[in-house]
Amino acid sequence: MSHDISITGQITPEQIPQFAEQGFKTIINNRPDGEEPNQPTSAELAAAAEKAGLAYKEVSFAGNELNQNHVEEFADFFNQAEQPVLIFCRTGNRSTGIYEAAKRMDLLDD
């Protein structure tokens, strides 16, 4: 894989400064708000990312609702994003799925 990415489960705003210290430049959120109680909102995560100097994008979808529009939006942002990129959802499965779909469709730049 030529991309510099990490895929993980749910992150918190408090963790974002640590991700910046680890060298990440961009965060992509694939998890919709409100899936479970006490889940941080995308707005909270975006604010923490901005404060830490990281780019942030939400391309969220329910686990079984991944579609062409999601994949294209993800790929468009990913291709211009500064790497390394941290991609997350609840468990990492959705994020892996959207990344792999974009690769299969040849939407990701090398």
PDB file of N, CA and C in Angstrom:
ATOM      1  N   MET A   1       0.838  -1.173   0.000  1.00  0.00           N
ATOM      2  CA  MET A   1       0.000   0.000   0.000  1.00  0.00           C
ATOM      3  C   MET A   1       0.888   1.243   0.000  1.00  0.00           C
ATOM      4  N   SER A   2       0.617   2.152  -0.910  1.00  0.00           N
ATOM      5  CA  SER A   2       1.449   3.346  -1.020  1.00  0.00           C
ATOM      6  C   SER A   2       0.942   4.494  -0.154  1.00  0.00           C
ATOM      7  N   HIS A   3      -0.220   4.335   0.435  1.00  0.00           N
ATOM      8  CA  HIS A   3      -0.777   5.388   1.268  1.00  0.00           C
ATOM      9  C   HIS A   3      -0.312   5.220   2.713  1.00  0.00           C
ATOM     10  N   ASP A   4      -0.164   6.337   3.406  1.00  0.00           N
ATOM     11  CA  ASP A   4       0.263   6.336   4.800  1.00  0.00           C
ATOM     12  C   ASP A   4      -0.974   6.562   5.660  1.00  0.00           C
ATOM     13  N   ILE A   5      -1.631   5.466   6.033  1.00  0.00           N
ATOM     14  CA  ILE A   5      -2.887   5.550   6.780  1.00  0.00           C
ATOM     15  C   ILE A   5      -2.841   4.643   7.996  1.00  0.00           C
ATOM     16  N   SER A   6      -3.710   4.972   8.948  1.00  0.00           N
ATOM     17  CA  SER A   6      -4.035   4.077  10.056  1.00  0.00           C
ATOM     18  C   SER A   6      -5.543   4.081  10.180  1.00  0.00           C
ATOM     19  N   ILE A   7      -6.102   2.922  10.466  1.00  0.00           N
ATOM     20  CA  ILE A   7      -7.545   2.775  10.654  1.00  0.00           C
ATOM     21  C   ILE A   7      -7.770   2.295  12.071  1.00  0.00           C
ATOM     22  N   THR A   8      -8.723   2.930  12.750  1.00  0.00           N
ATOM     23  CA  THR A   8      -8.965   2.611  14.151  1.00  0.00           C
ATOM     24  C   THR A   8     -10.449   2.727  14.481  1.00  0.00           C
ATOM     25  N   GLY A   9     -10.782   2.320  15.687  1.00  0.00           N
ATOM     26  CA  GLY A   9     -12.127   2.502  16.213  1.00  0.00           C
ATOM     27  C   GLY A   9     -12.309   3.930  16.712  1.00  0.00           C
ATOM     28  N   GLN A  10     -13.434   4.159  17.370  1.00  0.00           N
ATOM     29  CA  GLN A  10     -13.818   5.493  17.834  1.00  0.00           C
ATOM     30  C   GLN A  10     -12.687   6.206  18.569  1.00  0.00           C
ATOM     31  N   ILE A  11     -12.497   7.470  18.228  1.00  0.00           N
ATOM     32  CA  ILE A  11     -11.526   8.305  18.929  1.00  0.00           C
ATOM     33  C   ILE A  11     -12.281   9.354  19.746  1.00  0.00           C
ATOM     34  N   THR A  12     -11.554  10.028  20.632  1.00  0.00           N
ATOM     35  CA  THR A  12     -12.149  11.095  21.437  1.00  0.00           C
ATOM     36  C   THR A  12     -11.419  12.408  21.167  1.00  0.00           C
ATOM     37  N   PRO A  13     -12.062  13.524  21.451  1.00  0.00           N
ATOM     38  CA  PRO A  13     -11.386  14.816  21.275  1.00  0.00           C
ATOM     39  C   PRO A  13     -10.091  14.903  22.092  1.00  0.00           C
ATOM     40  N   GLU A  14     -10.068  14.274  23.245  1.00  0.00           N
ATOM     41  CA  GLU A  14      -8.890  14.314  24.110  1.00  0.00           C
ATOM     42  C   GLU A  14      -7.691  13.594  23.500  1.00  0.00           C
ATOM     43  N   GLN A  15      -7.930  12.648  22.615  1.00  0.00           N
ATOM     44  CA  GLN A  15      -6.845  11.905  21.974  1.00  0.00           C
ATOM     45  C   GLN A  15      -6.222  12.651  20.796  1.00  0.00           C
ATOM     46  N   ILE A  16      -6.924  13.604  20.243  1.00  0.00           N
ATOM     47  CA  ILE A  16      -6.481  14.238  19.005  1.00  0.00           C
ATOM     48  C   ILE A  16      -5.119  14.928  19.136  1.00  0.00           C
ATOM     49  N   PRO A  17      -4.828  15.646  20.228  1.00  0.00           N
ATOM     50  CA  PRO A  17      -3.479  16.213  20.336  1.00  0.00           C
ATOM     51  C   PRO A  17      -2.381  15.145  20.290  1.00  0.00           C
ATOM     52  N   GLN A  18      -2.663  13.970  20.827  1.00  0.00           N
ATOM     53  CA  GLN A  18      -1.687  12.868  20.779  1.00  0.00           C
ATOM     54  C   GLN A  18      -1.480  12.401  19.337  1.00  0.00           C
ATOM     55  N   PHE A  19      -2.564  12.355  18.563  1.00  0.00           N
ATOM     56  CA  PHE A  19      -2.431  11.957  17.160  1.00  0.00           C
ATOM     57  C   PHE A  19      -1.566  12.968  16.405  1.00  0.00           C
ATOM     58  N   ALA A  20      -1.745  14.245  16.703  1.00  0.00           N
ATOM     59  CA  ALA A  20      -0.916  15.273  16.075  1.00  0.00           C
ATOM     60  C   ALA A  20       0.549  15.075  16.459  1.00  0.00           C
ATOM     61  N   GLU A  21       0.798  14.786  17.724  1.00  0.00           N
ATOM     62  CA  GLU A  21       2.172  14.543  18.186  1.00  0.00           C
ATOM     63  C   GLU A  21       2.779  13.319  17.505  1.00  0.00           C
ATOM     64  N   GLN A  22       1.940  12.334  17.163  1.00  0.00           N
ATOM     65  CA  GLN A  22       2.412  11.125  16.489  1.00  0.00           C
ATOM     66  C   GLN A  22       2.661  11.373  15.003  1.00  0.00           C
ATOM     67  N   GLY A  23       2.314  12.562  14.516  1.00  0.00           N
ATOM     68  CA  GLY A  23       2.613  12.914  13.136  1.00  0.00           C
ATOM     69  C   GLY A  23       1.441  12.880  12.173  1.00  0.00           C
ATOM     70  N   PHE A  24       0.253  12.496  12.633  1.00  0.00           N
ATOM     71  CA  PHE A  24      -0.896  12.501  11.728  1.00  0.00           C
ATOM     72  C   PHE A  24      -1.185  13.924  11.287  1.00  0.00           C
ATOM     73  N   LYS A  25      -1.650  14.065  10.054  1.00  0.00           N
ATOM     74  CA  LYS A  25      -1.967  15.372   9.481  1.00  0.00           C
ATOM     75  C   LYS A  25      -3.452  15.539   9.191  1.00  0.00           C
ATOM     76  N   THR A  26      -4.150  14.402   9.051  1.00  0.00           N
ATOM     77  CA  THR A  26      -5.550  14.415   8.628  1.00  0.00           C
ATOM     78  C   THR A  26      -6.319  13.329   9.360  1.00  0.00           C
ATOM     79  N   ILE A  27      -7.586  13.649   9.709  1.00  0.00           N
ATOM     80  CA  ILE A  27      -8.501  12.670  10.307  1.00  0.00           C
ATOM     81  C   ILE A  27      -9.748  12.599   9.436  1.00  0.00           C
ATOM     82  N   ILE A  28     -10.170  11.370   9.129  1.00  0.00           N
ATOM     83  CA  ILE A  28     -11.430  11.150   8.408  1.00  0.00           C
ATOM     84  C   ILE A  28     -12.339  10.311   9.296  1.00  0.00           C
ATOM     85  N   ASN A  29     -13.547  10.836   9.539  1.00  0.00           N
ATOM     86  CA  ASN A  29     -14.547  10.202  10.390  1.00  0.00           C
ATOM     87  C   ASN A  29     -15.604   9.536   9.517  1.00  0.00           C
ATOM     88  N   ASN A  30     -15.766   8.230   9.672  1.00  0.00           N
ATOM     89  CA  ASN A  30     -16.799   7.492   8.931  1.00  0.00           C
ATOM     90  C   ASN A  30     -17.980   7.094   9.801  1.00  0.00           C
ATOM     91  N   ARG A  31     -18.088   7.666  10.993  1.00  0.00           N
ATOM     92  CA  ARG A  31     -19.150   7.272  11.924  1.00  0.00           C
ATOM     93  C   ARG A  31     -20.163   8.395  12.114  1.00  0.00           C
ATOM     94  N   PRO A  32     -21.444   8.118  11.861  1.00  0.00           N
ATOM     95  CA  PRO A  32     -22.464   9.147  12.079  1.00  0.00           C
ATOM     96  C   PRO A  32     -22.627   9.456  13.565  1.00  0.00           C
ATOM     97  N   ASP A  33     -23.007  10.691  13.856  1.00  0.00           N
ATOM     98  CA  ASP A  33     -23.311  11.074  15.230  1.00  0.00           C
ATOM     99  C   ASP A  33     -24.490  10.263  15.762  1.00  0.00           C
ATOM    100  N   GLY A  34     -24.501  10.052  17.070  1.00  0.00           N
ATOM    101  CA  GLY A  34     -25.660   9.473  17.743  1.00  0.00           C
ATOM    102  C   GLY A  34     -25.821   7.976  17.649  1.00  0.00           C
ATOM    103  N   GLU A  35     -24.792   7.256  17.269  1.00  0.00           N
ATOM    104  CA  GLU A  35     -24.932   5.791  17.198  1.00  0.00           C
ATOM    105  C   GLU A  35     -25.026   5.163  18.582  1.00  0.00           C
ATOM    106  N   GLU A  36     -24.401   5.793  19.569  1.00  0.00           N
ATOM    107  CA  GLU A  36     -24.506   5.280  20.935  1.00  0.00           C
ATOM    108  C   GLU A  36     -24.325   6.429  21.914  1.00  0.00           C
ATOM    109  N   PRO A  37     -24.818   6.255  23.141  1.00  0.00           N
ATOM    110  CA  PRO A  37     -24.699   7.315  24.143  1.00  0.00           C
ATOM    111  C   PRO A  37     -23.233   7.661  24.415  1.00  0.00           C
ATOM    112  N   ASN A  38     -23.009   8.925  24.710  1.00  0.00           N
ATOM    113  CA  ASN A  38     -21.682   9.445  25.085  1.00  0.00           C
ATOM    114  C   ASN A  38     -20.654   9.407  23.953  1.00  0.00           C
ATOM    115  N   GLN A  39     -21.078   9.127  22.754  1.00  0.00           N
ATOM    116  CA  GLN A  39     -20.182   9.167  21.589  1.00  0.00           C
ATOM    117  C   GLN A  39     -19.869  10.637  21.296  1.00  0.00           C
ATOM    118  N   PRO A  40     -18.609  10.974  21.103  1.00  0.00           N
ATOM    119  CA  PRO A  40     -18.308  12.366  20.748  1.00  0.00           C
ATOM    120  C   PRO A  40     -18.922  12.721  19.402  1.00  0.00           C
ATOM    121  N   THR A  41     -19.376  13.966  19.277  1.00  0.00           N
ATOM    122  CA  THR A  41     -19.965  14.390  18.009  1.00  0.00           C
ATOM    123  C   THR A  41     -18.875  14.744  17.010  1.00  0.00           C
ATOM    124  N   SER A  42     -19.255  14.740  15.765  1.00  0.00           N
ATOM    125  CA  SER A  42     -18.319  15.131  14.722  1.00  0.00           C
ATOM    126  C   SER A  42     -17.862  16.574  14.932  1.00  0.00           C
ATOM    127  N   ALA A  43     -18.765  17.447  15.385  1.00  0.00           N
ATOM    128  CA  ALA A  43     -18.399  18.846  15.631  1.00  0.00           C
ATOM    129  C   ALA A  43     -17.344  18.952  16.730  1.00  0.00           C
ATOM    130  N   GLU A  44     -17.478  18.159  17.779  1.00  0.00           N
ATOM    131  CA  GLU A  44     -16.475  18.166  18.854  1.00  0.00           C
ATOM    132  C   GLU A  44     -15.121  17.685  18.342  1.00  0.00           C
ATOM    133  N   LEU A  45     -15.142  16.639  17.536  1.00  0.00           N
ATOM    134  CA  LEU A  45     -13.905  16.100  16.974  1.00  0.00           C
ATOM    135  C   LEU A  45     -13.279  17.086  15.992  1.00  0.00           C
ATOM    136  N   ALA A  46     -14.102  17.727  15.185  1.00  0.00           N
ATOM    137  CA  ALA A  46     -13.589  18.714  14.225  1.00  0.00           C
ATOM    138  C   ALA A  46     -12.936  19.885  14.951  1.00  0.00           C
ATOM    139  N   ALA A  47     -13.554  20.343  16.034  1.00  0.00           N
ATOM    140  CA  ALA A  47     -12.994  21.463  16.805  1.00  0.00           C
ATOM    141  C   ALA A  47     -11.649  21.074  17.412  1.00  0.00           C
ATOM    142  N   ALA A  48     -11.565  19.861  17.949  1.00  0.00           N
ATOM    143  CA  ALA A  48     -10.304  19.387  18.541  1.00  0.00           C
ATOM    144  C   ALA A  48      -9.227  19.239  17.462  1.00  0.00           C
ATOM    145  N   ALA A  49      -9.618  18.764  16.298  1.00  0.00           N
ATOM    146  CA  ALA A  49      -8.661  18.614  15.193  1.00  0.00           C
ATOM    147  C   ALA A  49      -8.144  19.978  14.747  1.00  0.00           C
ATOM    148  N   GLU A  50      -9.047  20.932  14.610  1.00  0.00           N
ATOM    149  CA  GLU A  50      -8.626  22.276  14.197  1.00  0.00           C
ATOM    150  C   GLU A  50      -7.656  22.869  15.218  1.00  0.00           C
ATOM    151  N   LYS A  51      -7.978  22.704  16.495  1.00  0.00           N
ATOM    152  CA  LYS A  51      -7.114  23.225  17.563  1.00  0.00           C
ATOM    153  C   LYS A  51      -5.723  22.589  17.511  1.00  0.00           C
ATOM    154  N   ALA A  52      -5.662  21.309  17.120  1.00  0.00           N
ATOM    155  CA  ALA A  52      -4.393  20.579  17.046  1.00  0.00           C
ATOM    156  C   ALA A  52      -3.688  20.767  15.702  1.00  0.00           C
ATOM    157  N   GLY A  53      -4.313  21.519  14.787  1.00  0.00           N
ATOM    158  CA  GLY A  53      -3.693  21.770  13.493  1.00  0.00           C
ATOM    159  C   GLY A  53      -3.860  20.653  12.488  1.00  0.00           C
ATOM    160  N   LEU A  54      -4.887  19.813  12.685  1.00  0.00           N
ATOM    161  CA  LEU A  54      -5.127  18.693  11.780  1.00  0.00           C
ATOM    162  C   LEU A  54      -6.324  18.986  10.878  1.00  0.00           C
ATOM    163  N   ALA A  55      -6.260  18.502   9.650  1.00  0.00           N
ATOM    164  CA  ALA A  55      -7.416  18.559   8.757  1.00  0.00           C
ATOM    165  C   ALA A  55      -8.414  17.510   9.226  1.00  0.00           C
ATOM    166  N   TYR A  56      -9.705  17.781   9.030  1.00  0.00           N
ATOM    167  CA  TYR A  56     -10.753  16.868   9.491  1.00  0.00           C
ATOM    168  C   TYR A  56     -11.862  16.836   8.450  1.00  0.00           C
ATOM    169  N   LYS A  57     -12.382  15.634   8.223  1.00  0.00           N
ATOM    170  CA  LYS A  57     -13.499  15.458   7.296  1.00  0.00           C
ATOM    171  C   LYS A  57     -14.395  14.353   7.808  1.00  0.00           C
ATOM    172  N   GLU A  58     -15.688  14.591   7.751  1.00  0.00           N
ATOM    173  CA  GLU A  58     -16.660  13.550   8.088  1.00  0.00           C
ATOM    174  C   GLU A  58     -17.267  13.030   6.789  1.00  0.00           C
ATOM    175  N   VAL A  59     -17.135  11.726   6.580  1.00  0.00           N
ATOM    176  CA  VAL A  59     -17.826  11.023   5.501  1.00  0.00           C
ATOM    177  C   VAL A  59     -18.490   9.839   6.194  1.00  0.00           C
ATOM    178  N   SER A  60     -19.597  10.130   6.876  1.00  0.00           N
ATOM    179  CA  SER A  60     -20.202   9.120   7.747  1.00  0.00           C
ATOM    180  C   SER A  60     -21.336   8.382   7.049  1.00  0.00           C
ATOM    181  N   PHE A  61     -21.504   7.134   7.478  1.00  0.00           N
ATOM    182  CA  PHE A  61     -22.566   6.286   6.940  1.00  0.00           C
ATOM    183  C   PHE A  61     -22.797   5.135   7.908  1.00  0.00           C
ATOM    184  N   ALA A  62     -24.054   4.673   7.961  1.00  0.00           N
ATOM    185  CA  ALA A  62     -24.365   3.489   8.758  1.00  0.00           C
ATOM    186  C   ALA A  62     -23.679   2.291   8.111  1.00  0.00           C
ATOM    187  N   GLY A  63     -23.409   1.285   8.902  1.00  0.00           N
ATOM    188  CA  GLY A  63     -22.618   0.151   8.452  1.00  0.00           C
ATOM    189  C   GLY A  63     -23.056  -0.486   7.150  1.00  0.00           C
ATOM    190  N   ASN A  64     -24.348  -0.558   6.907  1.00  0.00           N
ATOM    191  CA  ASN A  64     -24.838  -1.238   5.703  1.00  0.00           C
ATOM    192  C   ASN A  64     -25.284  -0.256   4.619  1.00  0.00           C
ATOM    193  N   GLU A  65     -24.926   1.037   4.767  1.00  0.00           N
ATOM    194  CA  GLU A  65     -25.417   2.041   3.829  1.00  0.00           C
ATOM    195  C   GLU A  65     -24.321   2.677   2.973  1.00  0.00           C
ATOM    196  N   LEU A  66     -23.170   2.036   2.868  1.00  0.00           N
ATOM    197  CA  LEU A  66     -22.104   2.562   2.027  1.00  0.00           C
ATOM    198  C   LEU A  66     -22.570   2.591   0.579  1.00  0.00           C
ATOM    199  N   ASN A  67     -22.410   3.754  -0.070  1.00  0.00           N
ATOM    200  CA  ASN A  67     -22.817   3.859  -1.469  1.00  0.00           C
ATOM    201  C   ASN A  67     -21.750   4.595  -2.284  1.00  0.00           C
ATOM    202  N   GLN A  68     -21.993   4.699  -3.568  1.00  0.00           N
ATOM    203  CA  GLN A  68     -21.043   5.316  -4.499  1.00  0.00           C
ATOM    204  C   GLN A  68     -20.704   6.752  -4.085  1.00  0.00           C
ATOM    205  N   ASN A  69     -21.700   7.510  -3.649  1.00  0.00           N
ATOM    206  CA  ASN A  69     -21.461   8.901  -3.250  1.00  0.00           C
ATOM    207  C   ASN A  69     -20.488   8.979  -2.083  1.00  0.00           C
ATOM    208  N   HIS A  70     -20.661   8.097  -1.089  1.00  0.00           N
ATOM    209  CA  HIS A  70     -19.737   8.070   0.049  1.00  0.00           C
ATOM    210  C   HIS A  70     -18.311   7.789  -0.420  1.00  0.00           C
ATOM    211  N   VAL A  71     -18.177   6.789  -1.268  1.00  0.00           N
ATOM    212  CA  VAL A  71     -16.848   6.375  -1.733  1.00  0.00           C
ATOM    213  C   VAL A  71     -16.195   7.506  -2.521  1.00  0.00           C
ATOM    214  N   GLU A  72     -16.949   8.162  -3.391  1.00  0.00           N
ATOM    215  CA  GLU A  72     -16.389   9.253  -4.187  1.00  0.00           C
ATOM    216  C   GLU A  72     -16.015  10.447  -3.315  1.00  0.00           C
ATOM    217  N   GLU A  73     -16.867  10.796  -2.340  1.00  0.00           N
ATOM    218  CA  GLU A  73     -16.560  11.911  -1.429  1.00  0.00           C
ATOM    219  C   GLU A  73     -15.307  11.598  -0.612  1.00  0.00           C
ATOM    220  N   PHE A  74     -15.234  10.359  -0.116  1.00  0.00           N
ATOM    221  CA  PHE A  74     -14.050   9.921   0.639  1.00  0.00           C
ATOM    222  C   PHE A  74     -12.803  10.038  -0.227  1.00  0.00           C
ATOM    223  N   ALA A  75     -12.856   9.491  -1.438  1.00  0.00           N
ATOM    224  CA  ALA A  75     -11.688   9.489  -2.318  1.00  0.00           C
ATOM    225  C   ALA A  75     -11.270  10.901  -2.709  1.00  0.00           C
ATOM    226  N   ASP A  76     -12.231  11.761  -2.992  1.00  0.00           N
ATOM    227  CA  ASP A  76     -11.908  13.142  -3.359  1.00  0.00           C
ATOM    228  C   ASP A  76     -11.149  13.833  -2.235  1.00  0.00           C
ATOM    229  N   PHE A  77     -11.620  13.666  -1.002  1.00  0.00           N
ATOM    230  CA  PHE A  77     -10.932  14.294   0.127  1.00  0.00           C
ATOM    231  C   PHE A  77      -9.593  13.617   0.385  1.00  0.00           C
ATOM    232  N   PHE A  78      -9.593  12.294   0.391  1.00  0.00           N
ATOM    233  CA  PHE A  78      -8.372  11.533   0.672  1.00  0.00           C
ATOM    234  C   PHE A  78      -7.253  11.907  -0.293  1.00  0.00           C
ATOM    235  N   ASN A  79      -7.583  12.053  -1.564  1.00  0.00           N
ATOM    236  CA  ASN A  79      -6.561  12.334  -2.573  1.00  0.00           C
ATOM    237  C   ASN A  79      -5.884  13.682  -2.374  1.00  0.00           C
ATOM    238  N   GLN A  80      -6.550  14.643  -1.777  1.00  0.00           N
ATOM    239  CA  GLN A  80      -5.926  15.939  -1.534  1.00  0.00           C
ATOM    240  C   GLN A  80      -5.444  16.084  -0.099  1.00  0.00           C
ATOM    241  N   ALA A  81      -5.717  15.103   0.748  1.00  0.00           N
ATOM    242  CA  ALA A  81      -5.360  15.187   2.169  1.00  0.00           C
ATOM    243  C   ALA A  81      -3.866  14.994   2.384  1.00  0.00           C
ATOM    244  N   GLU A  82      -3.347  15.750   3.337  1.00  0.00           N
ATOM    245  CA  GLU A  82      -1.958  15.565   3.734  1.00  0.00           C
ATOM    246  C   GLU A  82      -1.856  14.280   4.547  1.00  0.00           C
ATOM    247  N   GLN A  83      -0.870  13.460   4.242  1.00  0.00           N
ATOM    248  CA  GLN A  83      -0.679  12.191   4.949  1.00  0.00           C
ATOM    249  C   GLN A  83       0.396  12.351   6.013  1.00  0.00           C
ATOM    250  N   PRO A  84       0.398  11.532   7.026  1.00  0.00           N
ATOM    251  CA  PRO A  84      -0.446  10.371   7.252  1.00  0.00           C
ATOM    252  C   PRO A  84      -1.879  10.740   7.666  1.00  0.00           C
ATOM    253  N   VAL A  85      -2.787   9.825   7.336  1.00  0.00           N
ATOM    254  CA  VAL A  85      -4.211  10.000   7.568  1.00  0.00           C
ATOM    255  C   VAL A  85      -4.686   8.962   8.584  1.00  0.00           C
ATOM    256  N   LEU A  86      -5.454   9.429   9.565  1.00  0.00           N
ATOM    257  CA  LEU A  86      -6.110   8.546  10.532  1.00  0.00           C
ATOM    258  C   LEU A  86      -7.574   8.468  10.138  1.00  0.00           C
ATOM    259  N   ILE A  87      -8.054   7.256   9.887  1.00  0.00           N
ATOM    260  CA  ILE A  87      -9.440   7.030   9.470  1.00  0.00           C
ATOM    261  C   ILE A  87     -10.109   6.215  10.574  1.00  0.00           C
ATOM    262  N   PHE A  88     -11.320   6.634  10.983  1.00  0.00           N
ATOM    263  CA  PHE A  88     -11.968   5.892  12.074  1.00  0.00           C
ATOM    264  C   PHE A  88     -13.471   5.782  11.897  1.00  0.00           C
ATOM    265  N   CYS A  89     -14.024   4.806  12.604  1.00  0.00           N
ATOM    266  CA  CYS A  89     -15.465   4.625  12.786  1.00  0.00           C
ATOM    267  C   CYS A  89     -15.627   3.963  14.154  1.00  0.00           C
ATOM    268  N   ARG A  90     -16.672   3.212  14.379  1.00  0.00           N
ATOM    269  CA  ARG A  90     -16.851   2.598  15.700  1.00  0.00           C
ATOM    270  C   ARG A  90     -15.788   1.547  15.971  1.00  0.00           C
ATOM    271  N   THR A  91     -15.581   0.645  15.006  1.00  0.00           N
ATOM    272  CA  THR A  91     -14.626  -0.453  15.220  1.00  0.00           C
ATOM    273  C   THR A  91     -13.479  -0.467  14.219  1.00  0.00           C
ATOM    274  N   GLY A  92     -13.596   0.309  13.163  1.00  0.00           N
ATOM    275  CA  GLY A  92     -12.614   0.292  12.083  1.00  0.00           C
ATOM    276  C   GLY A  92     -13.098  -0.448  10.847  1.00  0.00           C
ATOM    277  N   ASN A  93     -14.168  -1.223  10.971  1.00  0.00           N
ATOM    278  CA  ASN A  93     -14.651  -2.014   9.832  1.00  0.00           C
ATOM    279  C   ASN A  93     -15.184  -1.148   8.696  1.00  0.00           C
ATOM    280  N   ARG A  94     -16.011  -0.148   9.010  1.00  0.00           N
ATOM    281  CA  ARG A  94     -16.542   0.736   7.964  1.00  0.00           C
ATOM    282  C   ARG A  94     -15.418   1.477   7.258  1.00  0.00           C
ATOM    283  N   SER A  95     -14.461   1.959   8.063  1.00  0.00           N
ATOM    284  CA  SER A  95     -13.344   2.710   7.483  1.00  0.00           C
ATOM    285  C   SER A  95     -12.516   1.833   6.557  1.00  0.00           C
ATOM    286  N   THR A  96     -12.289   0.596   6.960  1.00  0.00           N
ATOM    287  CA  THR A  96     -11.585  -0.336   6.089  1.00  0.00           C
ATOM    288  C   THR A  96     -12.395  -0.555   4.814  1.00  0.00           C
ATOM    289  N   GLY A  97     -13.697  -0.702   4.955  1.00  0.00           N
ATOM    290  CA  GLY A  97     -14.569  -0.950   3.805  1.00  0.00           C
ATOM    291  C   GLY A  97     -14.570   0.181   2.798  1.00  0.00           C
ATOM    292  N   ILE A  98     -14.666   1.418   3.270  1.00  0.00           N
ATOM    293  CA  ILE A  98     -14.705   2.547   2.330  1.00  0.00           C
ATOM    294  C   ILE A  98     -13.351   2.747   1.671  1.00  0.00           C
ATOM    295  N   TYR A  99     -12.271   2.547   2.417  1.00  0.00           N
ATOM    296  CA  TYR A  99     -10.938   2.666   1.837  1.00  0.00           C
ATOM    297  C   TYR A  99     -10.726   1.592   0.767  1.00  0.00           C
ATOM    298  N   GLU A 100     -11.087   0.355   1.076  1.00  0.00           N
ATOM    299  CA  GLU A 100     -10.927  -0.739   0.112  1.00  0.00           C
ATOM    300  C   GLU A 100     -11.817  -0.537  -1.111  1.00  0.00           C
ATOM    301  N   ALA A 101     -13.030  -0.027  -0.905  1.00  0.00           N
ATOM    302  CA  ALA A 101     -13.921   0.237  -2.043  1.00  0.00           C
ATOM    303  C   ALA A 101     -13.320   1.291  -2.961  1.00  0.00           C
ATOM    304  N   ALA A 102     -12.762   2.345  -2.387  1.00  0.00           N
ATOM    305  CA  ALA A 102     -12.140   3.391  -3.193  1.00  0.00           C
ATOM    306  C   ALA A 102     -10.939   2.845  -3.967  1.00  0.00           C
ATOM    307  N   LYS A 103     -10.168   1.954  -3.334  1.00  0.00           N
ATOM    308  CA  LYS A 103      -9.031   1.330  -4.027  1.00  0.00           C
ATOM    309  C   LYS A 103      -9.515   0.449  -5.177  1.00  0.00           C
ATOM    310  N   ARG A 104     -10.530  -0.397  -4.928  1.00  0.00           N
ATOM    311  CA  ARG A 104     -11.053  -1.296  -5.957  1.00  0.00           C
ATOM    312  C   ARG A 104     -11.572  -0.525  -7.164  1.00  0.00           C
ATOM    313  N   MET A 105     -12.125   0.658  -6.909  1.00  0.00           N
ATOM    314  CA  MET A 105     -12.697   1.464  -7.982  1.00  0.00           C
ATOM    315  C   MET A 105     -11.656   2.381  -8.622  1.00  0.00           C
ATOM    316  N   ASP A 106     -10.396   2.222  -8.218  1.00  0.00           N
ATOM    317  CA  ASP A 106      -9.284   3.033  -8.752  1.00  0.00           C
ATOM    318  C   ASP A 106      -9.538   4.533  -8.589  1.00  0.00           C
ATOM    319  N   LEU A 107     -10.095   4.924  -7.437  1.00  0.00           N
ATOM    320  CA  LEU A 107     -10.366   6.334  -7.155  1.00  0.00           C
ATOM    321  C   LEU A 107      -9.257   6.994  -6.357  1.00  0.00           C
ATOM    322  N   LEU A 108      -8.328   6.197  -5.806  1.00  0.00           N
ATOM    323  CA  LEU A 108      -7.268   6.759  -4.969  1.00  0.00           C
ATOM    324  C   LEU A 108      -5.990   6.957  -5.766  1.00  0.00           C
ATOM    325  N   ASP A 109      -5.419   8.141  -5.603  1.00  0.00           N
ATOM    326  CA  ASP A 109      -4.131   8.418  -6.241  1.00  0.00           C
ATOM    327  C   ASP A 109      -3.040   7.586  -5.561  1.00  0.00           C
ATOM    328  N   ASP A 110      -2.019   7.214  -6.323  1.00  0.00           N
ATOM    329  CA  ASP A 110      -0.900   6.476  -5.737  1.00  0.00           C
ATOM    330  C   ASP A 110       0.130   7.415  -5.167  1.00  0.00           C
TER     331      ASP A 110
END
